[in-house]
PDB file of N, CA and C in Angstrom:
ATOM      1  N   UNK A   1     -11.193  -7.664  18.489  1.00  0.00           N
ATOM      2  CA  UNK A   1     -12.347  -7.343  19.280  1.00  0.00           C
ATOM      3  C   UNK A   1     -12.934  -5.988  18.892  1.00  0.00           C
ATOM      4  N   UNK A   2     -12.072  -5.024  18.616  1.00  0.00           N
ATOM      5  CA  UNK A   2     -12.547  -3.678  18.271  1.00  0.00           C
ATOM      6  C   UNK A   2     -13.380  -3.722  16.997  1.00  0.00           C
ATOM      7  N   UNK A   3     -12.949  -4.481  16.015  1.00  0.00           N
ATOM      8  CA  UNK A   3     -13.680  -4.558  14.748  1.00  0.00           C
ATOM      9  C   UNK A   3     -15.064  -5.162  14.957  1.00  0.00           C
ATOM     10  N   UNK A   4     -15.157  -6.229  15.732  1.00  0.00           N
ATOM     11  CA  UNK A   4     -16.454  -6.856  15.992  1.00  0.00           C
ATOM     12  C   UNK A   4     -17.394  -5.904  16.720  1.00  0.00           C
ATOM     13  N   UNK A   5     -16.861  -5.170  17.680  1.00  0.00           N
ATOM     14  CA  UNK A   5     -17.675  -4.218  18.440  1.00  0.00           C
ATOM     15  C   UNK A   5     -18.201  -3.112  17.542  1.00  0.00           C
ATOM     16  N   UNK A   6     -17.343  -2.576  16.683  1.00  0.00           N
ATOM     17  CA  UNK A   6     -17.747  -1.513  15.757  1.00  0.00           C
ATOM     18  C   UNK A   6     -18.866  -1.996  14.844  1.00  0.00           C
ATOM     19  N   UNK A   7     -18.701  -3.190  14.303  1.00  0.00           N
ATOM     20  CA  UNK A   7     -19.707  -3.722  13.383  1.00  0.00           C
ATOM     21  C   UNK A   7     -21.000  -4.121  14.104  1.00  0.00           C
ATOM     22  N   UNK A   8     -20.871  -4.727  15.265  1.00  0.00           N
ATOM     23  CA  UNK A   8     -22.042  -5.196  15.998  1.00  0.00           C
ATOM     24  C   UNK A   8     -22.924  -4.039  16.453  1.00  0.00           C
ATOM     25  N   UNK A   9     -22.288  -3.002  16.998  1.00  0.00           N
ATOM     26  CA  UNK A   9     -23.057  -1.891  17.559  1.00  0.00           C
ATOM     27  C   UNK A   9     -23.204  -0.712  16.598  1.00  0.00           C
ATOM     28  N   UNK A  10     -22.644  -0.866  15.407  1.00  0.00           N
ATOM     29  CA  UNK A  10     -22.721   0.184  14.377  1.00  0.00           C
ATOM     30  C   UNK A  10     -22.283   1.542  14.925  1.00  0.00           C
ATOM     31  N   UNK A  11     -21.134   1.534  15.599  1.00  0.00           N
ATOM     32  CA  UNK A  11     -20.611   2.777  16.160  1.00  0.00           C
ATOM     33  C   UNK A  11     -19.534   3.356  15.247  1.00  0.00           C
ATOM     34  N   UNK A  12     -19.339   4.642  15.373  1.00  0.00           N
ATOM     35  CA  UNK A  12     -18.274   5.321  14.640  1.00  0.00           C
ATOM     36  C   UNK A  12     -17.216   5.710  15.669  1.00  0.00           C
ATOM     37  N   UNK A  13     -16.065   5.043  15.647  1.00  0.00           N
ATOM     38  CA  UNK A  13     -15.030   5.351  16.639  1.00  0.00           C
ATOM     39  C   UNK A  13     -14.383   6.707  16.371  1.00  0.00           C
ATOM     40  N   UNK A  14     -13.773   7.240  17.401  1.00  0.00           N
ATOM     41  CA  UNK A  14     -13.060   8.506  17.267  1.00  0.00           C
ATOM     42  C   UNK A  14     -11.789   8.284  16.452  1.00  0.00           C
ATOM     43  N   UNK A  15     -11.324   9.315  15.754  1.00  0.00           N
ATOM     44  CA  UNK A  15     -10.114   9.170  14.924  1.00  0.00           C
ATOM     45  C   UNK A  15      -8.896   8.665  15.698  1.00  0.00           C
ATOM     46  N   UNK A  16      -8.703   9.135  16.921  1.00  0.00           N
ATOM     47  CA  UNK A  16      -7.527   8.687  17.669  1.00  0.00           C
ATOM     48  C   UNK A  16      -7.609   7.201  18.017  1.00  0.00           C
ATOM     49  N   UNK A  17      -8.844   6.671  18.139  1.00  0.00           N
ATOM     50  CA  UNK A  17      -9.011   5.253  18.418  1.00  0.00           C
ATOM     51  C   UNK A  17      -8.698   4.407  17.192  1.00  0.00           C
ATOM     52  N   UNK A  18      -8.893   4.980  16.020  1.00  0.00           N
ATOM     53  CA  UNK A  18      -8.693   4.236  14.788  1.00  0.00           C
ATOM     54  C   UNK A  18      -7.352   4.521  14.112  1.00  0.00           C
ATOM     55  N   UNK A  19      -6.581   5.456  14.649  1.00  0.00           N
ATOM     56  CA  UNK A  19      -5.308   5.813  14.022  1.00  0.00           C
ATOM     57  C   UNK A  19      -4.405   4.605  13.767  1.00  0.00           C
ATOM     58  N   UNK A  20      -4.250   3.685  14.732  1.00  0.00           N
ATOM     59  CA  UNK A  20      -3.390   2.525  14.444  1.00  0.00           C
ATOM     60  C   UNK A  20      -3.909   1.628  13.323  1.00  0.00           C
ATOM     61  N   UNK A  21      -5.196   1.690  13.035  1.00  0.00           N
ATOM     62  CA  UNK A  21      -5.765   0.839  11.992  1.00  0.00           C
ATOM     63  C   UNK A  21      -5.241   1.193  10.607  1.00  0.00           C
ATOM     64  N   UNK A  22      -4.779   2.411  10.400  1.00  0.00           N
ATOM     65  CA  UNK A  22      -4.312   2.813   9.068  1.00  0.00           C
ATOM     66  C   UNK A  22      -2.890   2.341   8.765  1.00  0.00           C
ATOM     67  N   UNK A  23      -2.226   1.739   9.746  1.00  0.00           N
ATOM     68  CA  UNK A  23      -0.837   1.313   9.544  1.00  0.00           C
ATOM     69  C   UNK A  23      -0.734   0.216   8.483  1.00  0.00           C
ATOM     70  N   UNK A  24      -1.544  -0.816   8.577  1.00  0.00           N
ATOM     71  CA  UNK A  24      -1.477  -1.900   7.588  1.00  0.00           C
ATOM     72  C   UNK A  24      -1.840  -1.410   6.190  1.00  0.00           C
ATOM     73  N   UNK A  25      -2.922  -0.643   6.020  1.00  0.00           N
ATOM     74  CA  UNK A  25      -3.185  -0.110   4.685  1.00  0.00           C
ATOM     75  C   UNK A  25      -2.055   0.773   4.155  1.00  0.00           C
ATOM     76  N   UNK A  26      -1.397   1.519   5.032  1.00  0.00           N
ATOM     77  CA  UNK A  26      -0.260   2.345   4.598  1.00  0.00           C
ATOM     78  C   UNK A  26       0.886   1.470   4.113  1.00  0.00           C
ATOM     79  N   UNK A  27       1.117   0.355   4.800  1.00  0.00           N
ATOM     80  CA  UNK A  27       2.163  -0.573   4.369  1.00  0.00           C
ATOM     81  C   UNK A  27       1.812  -1.178   3.014  1.00  0.00           C
ATOM     82  N   UNK A  28       0.579  -1.606   2.850  1.00  0.00           N
ATOM     83  CA  UNK A  28       0.147  -2.195   1.577  1.00  0.00           C
ATOM     84  C   UNK A  28       0.247  -1.151   0.465  1.00  0.00           C
ATOM     85  N   UNK A  29      -0.170   0.078   0.748  1.00  0.00           N
ATOM     86  CA  UNK A  29      -0.075   1.157  -0.229  1.00  0.00           C
ATOM     87  C   UNK A  29       1.376   1.414  -0.638  1.00  0.00           C
ATOM     88  N   UNK A  30       2.290   1.289   0.314  1.00  0.00           N
ATOM     89  CA  UNK A  30       3.704   1.547   0.018  1.00  0.00           C
ATOM     90  C   UNK A  30       4.281   0.553  -0.993  1.00  0.00           C
ATOM     91  N   UNK A  31       3.620  -0.580  -1.183  1.00  0.00           N
ATOM     92  CA  UNK A  31       4.076  -1.554  -2.177  1.00  0.00           C
ATOM     93  C   UNK A  31       3.936  -1.003  -3.598  1.00  0.00           C
ATOM     94  N   UNK A  32       3.115   0.013  -3.753  1.00  0.00           N
ATOM     95  CA  UNK A  32       2.954   0.651  -5.061  1.00  0.00           C
ATOM     96  C   UNK A  32       4.022   1.702  -5.340  1.00  0.00           C
ATOM     97  N   UNK A  33       4.910   1.923  -4.398  1.00  0.00           N
ATOM     98  CA  UNK A  33       5.930   2.966  -4.533  1.00  0.00           C
ATOM     99  C   UNK A  33       6.787   2.862  -5.793  1.00  0.00           C
ATOM    100  N   UNK A  34       7.121   1.671  -6.283  1.00  0.00           N
ATOM    101  CA  UNK A  34       7.922   1.624  -7.512  1.00  0.00           C
ATOM    102  C   UNK A  34       7.232   2.273  -8.720  1.00  0.00           C
ATOM    103  N   UNK A  35       5.909   2.241  -8.756  1.00  0.00           N
ATOM    104  CA  UNK A  35       5.211   2.868  -9.880  1.00  0.00           C
ATOM    105  C   UNK A  35       4.563   4.201  -9.494  1.00  0.00           C
ATOM    106  N   UNK A  36       4.329   4.403  -8.205  1.00  0.00           N
ATOM    107  CA  UNK A  36       3.723   5.629  -7.717  1.00  0.00           C
ATOM    108  C   UNK A  36       4.471   6.055  -6.447  1.00  0.00           C
ATOM    109  N   UNK A  37       5.574   6.800  -6.593  1.00  0.00           N
ATOM    110  CA  UNK A  37       6.437   7.112  -5.444  1.00  0.00           C
ATOM    111  C   UNK A  37       5.731   7.750  -4.252  1.00  0.00           C
ATOM    112  N   UNK A  38       4.696   8.525  -4.496  1.00  0.00           N
ATOM    113  CA  UNK A  38       3.999   9.180  -3.391  1.00  0.00           C
ATOM    114  C   UNK A  38       3.300   8.172  -2.471  1.00  0.00           C
ATOM    115  N   UNK A  39       3.067   6.967  -2.957  1.00  0.00           N
ATOM    116  CA  UNK A  39       2.393   5.932  -2.178  1.00  0.00           C
ATOM    117  C   UNK A  39       3.210   5.500  -0.959  1.00  0.00           C
ATOM    118  N   UNK A  40       4.498   5.789  -0.960  1.00  0.00           N
ATOM    119  CA  UNK A  40       5.350   5.399   0.160  1.00  0.00           C
ATOM    120  C   UNK A  40       5.237   6.359   1.338  1.00  0.00           C
ATOM    121  N   UNK A  41       4.795   7.585   1.114  1.00  0.00           N
ATOM    122  CA  UNK A  41       4.850   8.620   2.137  1.00  0.00           C
ATOM    123  C   UNK A  41       3.985   8.385   3.364  1.00  0.00           C
ATOM    124  N   UNK A  42       2.774   7.855   3.271  1.00  0.00           N
ATOM    125  CA  UNK A  42       2.025   7.603   4.515  1.00  0.00           C
ATOM    126  C   UNK A  42       2.763   6.635   5.448  1.00  0.00           C
ATOM    127  N   UNK A  43       3.305   5.576   4.877  1.00  0.00           N
ATOM    128  CA  UNK A  43       4.055   4.616   5.700  1.00  0.00           C
ATOM    129  C   UNK A  43       5.323   5.252   6.254  1.00  0.00           C
ATOM    130  N   UNK A  44       6.044   5.989   5.413  1.00  0.00           N
ATOM    131  CA  UNK A  44       7.270   6.648   5.854  1.00  0.00           C
ATOM    132  C   UNK A  44       6.977   7.676   6.947  1.00  0.00           C
ATOM    133  N   UNK A  45       5.867   8.396   6.827  1.00  0.00           N
ATOM    134  CA  UNK A  45       5.501   9.387   7.843  1.00  0.00           C
ATOM    135  C   UNK A  45       5.229   8.710   9.181  1.00  0.00           C
ATOM    136  N   UNK A  46       4.553   7.568   9.149  1.00  0.00           N
ATOM    137  CA  UNK A  46       4.283   6.827  10.383  1.00  0.00           C
ATOM    138  C   UNK A  46       5.588   6.350  11.029  1.00  0.00           C
ATOM    139  N   UNK A  47       6.497   5.809  10.221  1.00  0.00           N
ATOM    140  CA  UNK A  47       7.784   5.345  10.745  1.00  0.00           C
ATOM    141  C   UNK A  47       8.544   6.513  11.371  1.00  0.00           C
ATOM    142  N   UNK A  48       8.611   7.631  10.670  1.00  0.00           N
ATOM    143  CA  UNK A  48       9.342   8.796  11.189  1.00  0.00           C
ATOM    144  C   UNK A  48       8.685   9.334  12.461  1.00  0.00           C
ATOM    145  N   UNK A  49       7.359   9.328  12.515  1.00  0.00           N
ATOM    146  CA  UNK A  49       6.655   9.795  13.703  1.00  0.00           C
ATOM    147  C   UNK A  49       6.969   8.909  14.905  1.00  0.00           C
ATOM    148  N   UNK A  50       6.891   7.603  14.727  1.00  0.00           N
ATOM    149  CA  UNK A  50       7.173   6.673  15.829  1.00  0.00           C
ATOM    150  C   UNK A  50       8.619   6.787  16.306  1.00  0.00           C
ATOM    151  N   UNK A  51       9.546   6.749  15.362  1.00  0.00           N
ATOM    152  CA  UNK A  51      10.960   6.820  15.751  1.00  0.00           C
ATOM    153  C   UNK A  51      11.306   8.182  16.333  1.00  0.00           C
ATOM    154  N   UNK A  52      10.751   9.232  15.761  1.00  0.00           N
ATOM    155  CA  UNK A  52      10.997  10.578  16.279  1.00  0.00           C
ATOM    156  C   UNK A  52      10.474  10.755  17.685  1.00  0.00           C
ATOM    157  N   UNK A  53       9.283  10.216  17.951  1.00  0.00           N
ATOM    158  CA  UNK A  53       8.727  10.307  19.292  1.00  0.00           C
ATOM    159  C   UNK A  53       9.571   9.511  20.284  1.00  0.00           C
ATOM    160  N   UNK A  54      10.082   8.373  19.851  1.00  0.00           N
ATOM    161  CA  UNK A  54      10.976   7.597  20.710  1.00  0.00           C
ATOM    162  C   UNK A  54      12.235   8.373  21.053  1.00  0.00           C
ATOM    163  N   UNK A  55      12.797   9.054  20.070  1.00  0.00           N
ATOM    164  CA  UNK A  55      13.985   9.890  20.315  1.00  0.00           C
ATOM    165  C   UNK A  55      13.627  11.016  21.275  1.00  0.00           C
ATOM    166  N   UNK A  56      12.468  11.643  21.073  1.00  0.00           N
ATOM    167  CA  UNK A  56      12.037  12.720  21.950  1.00  0.00           C
ATOM    168  C   UNK A  56      11.894  12.242  23.389  1.00  0.00           C
ATOM    169  N   UNK A  57      11.279  11.084  23.572  1.00  0.00           N
ATOM    170  CA  UNK A  57      11.163  10.509  24.915  1.00  0.00           C
ATOM    171  C   UNK A  57      12.534  10.212  25.509  1.00  0.00           C
ATOM    172  N   UNK A  58      13.431   9.676  24.676  1.00  0.00           N
ATOM    173  CA  UNK A  58      14.778   9.356  25.144  1.00  0.00           C
ATOM    174  C   UNK A  58      15.560  10.581  25.561  1.00  0.00           C
ATOM    175  N   UNK A  59      15.407  11.666  24.838  1.00  0.00           N
ATOM    176  CA  UNK A  59      16.120  12.904  25.177  1.00  0.00           C
ATOM    177  C   UNK A  59      15.594  13.484  26.487  1.00  0.00           C
ATOM    178  N   UNK A  60      14.286  13.382  26.707  1.00  0.00           N
ATOM    179  CA  UNK A  60      13.689  13.921  27.932  1.00  0.00           C
ATOM    180  C   UNK A  60      14.011  13.078  29.163  1.00  0.00           C
ATOM    181  N   UNK A  61      14.251  11.785  28.966  1.00  0.00           N
ATOM    182  CA  UNK A  61      14.479  10.872  30.082  1.00  0.00           C
ATOM    183  C   UNK A  61      15.945  10.848  30.479  1.00  0.00           C
ATOM    184  N   UNK A  62      16.179  10.441  31.714  1.00  0.00           N
ATOM    185  CA  UNK A  62      17.551  10.335  32.200  1.00  0.00           C
ATOM    186  C   UNK A  62      18.265   9.145  31.568  1.00  0.00           C
ATOM    187  N   UNK A  63      17.562   8.032  31.461  1.00  0.00           N
ATOM    188  CA  UNK A  63      18.154   6.822  30.892  1.00  0.00           C
ATOM    189  C   UNK A  63      17.768   6.732  29.418  1.00  0.00           C
ATOM    190  N   UNK A  64      18.240   7.688  28.641  1.00  0.00           N
ATOM    191  CA  UNK A  64      17.809   7.814  27.258  1.00  0.00           C
ATOM    192  C   UNK A  64      18.266   6.680  26.350  1.00  0.00           C
ATOM    193  N   UNK A  65      19.304   5.966  26.725  1.00  0.00           N
ATOM    194  CA  UNK A  65      19.815   4.903  25.864  1.00  0.00           C
ATOM    195  C   UNK A  65      18.793   3.784  25.677  1.00  0.00           C
ATOM    196  N   UNK A  66      17.977   3.539  26.672  1.00  0.00           N
ATOM    197  CA  UNK A  66      16.988   2.475  26.583  1.00  0.00           C
ATOM    198  C   UNK A  66      15.662   3.005  26.049  1.00  0.00           C
ATOM    199  N   UNK A  67      15.239   4.148  26.536  1.00  0.00           N
ATOM    200  CA  UNK A  67      13.933   4.695  26.171  1.00  0.00           C
ATOM    201  C   UNK A  67      13.878   5.103  24.705  1.00  0.00           C
ATOM    202  N   UNK A  68      14.991   5.413  24.125  1.00  0.00           N
ATOM    203  CA  UNK A  68      15.025   5.837  22.732  1.00  0.00           C
ATOM    204  C   UNK A  68      14.479   4.746  21.800  1.00  0.00           C
ATOM    205  N   UNK A  69      14.516   3.502  22.264  1.00  0.00           N
ATOM    206  CA  UNK A  69      14.008   2.389  21.459  1.00  0.00           C
ATOM    207  C   UNK A  69      12.496   2.218  21.571  1.00  0.00           C
ATOM    208  N   UNK A  70      11.836   3.055  22.345  1.00  0.00           N
ATOM    209  CA  UNK A  70      10.390   2.931  22.494  1.00  0.00           C
ATOM    210  C   UNK A  70       9.654   3.169  21.174  1.00  0.00           C
ATOM    211  N   UNK A  71      10.265   3.892  20.261  1.00  0.00           N
ATOM    212  CA  UNK A  71       9.663   4.089  18.941  1.00  0.00           C
ATOM    213  C   UNK A  71       9.507   2.775  18.198  1.00  0.00           C
ATOM    214  N   UNK A  72      10.497   1.902  18.322  1.00  0.00           N
ATOM    215  CA  UNK A  72      10.402   0.573  17.695  1.00  0.00           C
ATOM    216  C   UNK A  72       9.276  -0.238  18.336  1.00  0.00           C
ATOM    217  N   UNK A  73       9.165  -0.145  19.662  1.00  0.00           N
ATOM    218  CA  UNK A  73       8.096  -0.859  20.365  1.00  0.00           C
ATOM    219  C   UNK A  73       6.731  -0.351  19.913  1.00  0.00           C
ATOM    220  N   UNK A  74       6.604   0.964  19.758  1.00  0.00           N
ATOM    221  CA  UNK A  74       5.339   1.536  19.292  1.00  0.00           C
ATOM    222  C   UNK A  74       5.000   1.024  17.895  1.00  0.00           C
ATOM    223  N   UNK A  75       5.999   0.932  17.038  1.00  0.00           N
ATOM    224  CA  UNK A  75       5.759   0.438  15.683  1.00  0.00           C
ATOM    225  C   UNK A  75       5.251  -1.001  15.700  1.00  0.00           C
ATOM    226  N   UNK A  76       5.840  -1.824  16.534  1.00  0.00           N
ATOM    227  CA  UNK A  76       5.423  -3.225  16.635  1.00  0.00           C
ATOM    228  C   UNK A  76       3.997  -3.315  17.159  1.00  0.00           C
ATOM    229  N   UNK A  77       3.682  -2.517  18.184  1.00  0.00           N
ATOM    230  CA  UNK A  77       2.329  -2.540  18.746  1.00  0.00           C
ATOM    231  C   UNK A  77       1.298  -2.030  17.743  1.00  0.00           C
ATOM    232  N   UNK A  78       1.606  -0.931  17.062  1.00  0.00           N
ATOM    233  CA  UNK A  78       0.670  -0.394  16.073  1.00  0.00           C
ATOM    234  C   UNK A  78       0.420  -1.383  14.944  1.00  0.00           C
ATOM    235  N   UNK A  79       1.486  -1.987  14.437  1.00  0.00           N
ATOM    236  CA  UNK A  79       1.334  -2.933  13.333  1.00  0.00           C
ATOM    237  C   UNK A  79       0.524  -4.148  13.770  1.00  0.00           C
ATOM    238  N   UNK A  80       0.809  -4.665  14.947  1.00  0.00           N
ATOM    239  CA  UNK A  80       0.051  -5.804  15.463  1.00  0.00           C
ATOM    240  C   UNK A  80      -1.418  -5.470  15.639  1.00  0.00           C
ATOM    241  N   UNK A  81      -1.700  -4.281  16.171  1.00  0.00           N
ATOM    242  CA  UNK A  81      -3.088  -3.859  16.367  1.00  0.00           C
ATOM    243  C   UNK A  81      -3.774  -3.721  15.021  1.00  0.00           C
ATOM    244  N   UNK A  82      -3.098  -3.123  14.065  1.00  0.00           N
ATOM    245  CA  UNK A  82      -3.685  -2.915  12.741  1.00  0.00           C
ATOM    246  C   UNK A  82      -3.977  -4.240  12.049  1.00  0.00           C
ATOM    247  N   UNK A  83      -3.043  -5.161  12.096  1.00  0.00           N
ATOM    248  CA  UNK A  83      -3.261  -6.484  11.491  1.00  0.00           C
ATOM    249  C   UNK A  83      -4.441  -7.181  12.161  1.00  0.00           C
ATOM    250  N   UNK A  84      -4.488  -7.155  13.475  1.00  0.00           N
ATOM    251  CA  UNK A  84      -5.586  -7.787  14.201  1.00  0.00           C
ATOM    252  C   UNK A  84      -6.924  -7.137  13.896  1.00  0.00           C
ATOM    253  N   UNK A  85      -6.933  -5.811  13.806  1.00  0.00           N
ATOM    254  CA  UNK A  85      -8.164  -5.101  13.500  1.00  0.00           C
ATOM    255  C   UNK A  85      -8.701  -5.513  12.135  1.00  0.00           C
ATOM    256  N   UNK A  86      -7.840  -5.443  11.123  1.00  0.00           N
ATOM    257  CA  UNK A  86      -8.306  -5.759   9.763  1.00  0.00           C
ATOM    258  C   UNK A  86      -8.671  -7.228   9.612  1.00  0.00           C
ATOM    259  N   UNK A  87      -7.947  -8.088  10.300  1.00  0.00           N
ATOM    260  CA  UNK A  87      -8.297  -9.515  10.264  1.00  0.00           C
ATOM    261  C   UNK A  87      -9.673  -9.736  10.880  1.00  0.00           C
ATOM    262  N   UNK A  88      -9.918  -9.104  12.020  1.00  0.00           N
ATOM    263  CA  UNK A  88     -11.217  -9.226  12.672  1.00  0.00           C
ATOM    264  C   UNK A  88     -12.329  -8.588  11.870  1.00  0.00           C
ATOM    265  N   UNK A  89     -12.047  -7.447  11.275  1.00  0.00           N
ATOM    266  CA  UNK A  89     -13.039  -6.730  10.486  1.00  0.00           C
ATOM    267  C   UNK A  89     -13.470  -7.562   9.275  1.00  0.00           C
ATOM    268  N   UNK A  90     -12.491  -8.059   8.558  1.00  0.00           N
ATOM    269  CA  UNK A  90     -12.787  -8.847   7.351  1.00  0.00           C
ATOM    270  C   UNK A  90     -13.471 -10.161   7.701  1.00  0.00           C
ATOM    271  N   UNK A  91     -12.977 -10.847   8.724  1.00  0.00           N
ATOM    272  CA  UNK A  91     -13.601 -12.132   9.083  1.00  0.00           C
ATOM    273  C   UNK A  91     -15.016 -11.931   9.610  1.00  0.00           C
ATOM    274  N   UNK A  92     -15.272 -10.844  10.334  1.00  0.00           N
ATOM    275  CA  UNK A  92     -16.623 -10.566  10.804  1.00  0.00           C
ATOM    276  C   UNK A  92     -17.555 -10.273   9.644  1.00  0.00           C
ATOM    277  N   UNK A  93     -17.070  -9.499   8.680  1.00  0.00           N
ATOM    278  CA  UNK A  93     -17.891  -9.222   7.496  1.00  0.00           C
ATOM    279  C   UNK A  93     -18.214 -10.503   6.725  1.00  0.00           C
ATOM    280  N   UNK A  94     -17.228 -11.358   6.567  1.00  0.00           N
ATOM    281  CA  UNK A  94     -17.434 -12.618   5.836  1.00  0.00           C
ATOM    282  C   UNK A  94     -18.410 -13.507   6.578  1.00  0.00           C
ATOM    283  N   UNK A  95     -18.240 -13.643   7.894  1.00  0.00           N
ATOM    284  CA  UNK A  95     -19.127 -14.498   8.698  1.00  0.00           C
ATOM    285  C   UNK A  95     -20.541 -13.939   8.767  1.00  0.00           C
ATOM    286  N   UNK A  96     -20.682 -12.620   8.758  1.00  0.00           N
ATOM    287  CA  UNK A  96     -22.004 -12.007   8.798  1.00  0.00           C
ATOM    288  C   UNK A  96     -22.755 -12.266   7.511  1.00  0.00           C
ATOM    289  N   UNK A  97     -22.064 -12.222   6.400  1.00  0.00           N
ATOM    290  CA  UNK A  97     -22.716 -12.441   5.107  1.00  0.00           C
ATOM    291  C   UNK A  97     -23.085 -13.906   4.887  1.00  0.00           C
ATOM    292  N   UNK A  98     -22.339 -14.824   5.523  1.00  0.00           N
ATOM    293  CA  UNK A  98     -22.645 -16.245   5.396  1.00  0.00           C
ATOM    294  C   UNK A  98     -23.919 -16.597   6.161  1.00  0.00           C
ATOM    295  N   UNK A  99     -24.147 -15.883   7.253  1.00  0.00           N
ATOM    296  CA  UNK A  99     -25.299 -16.213   8.132  1.00  0.00           C
ATOM    297  C   UNK A  99     -26.615 -15.725   7.569  1.00  0.00           C
TER     298      UNK A  99
END
């Protein structure tokens, strides 16, 4: 939905709104790591940020054993959002050009 809205209304979203969108491109870029090792770092930085934040939340909370896994949940949500965004963006572009 976000991709269609951006394209339909020609808006420029704020960086924090689009931050999850870079997850899928970072994963795809990391596939080049065998020939270009630096290509892995954006994806690795995202993983470390999510897991680190989960640990931070777990340390601050009383029931840290469960909350510490929130980093994994964030990773799943970000990846799902990114995949959905790019799928919607590409399909909207394709459908717009056909019309």
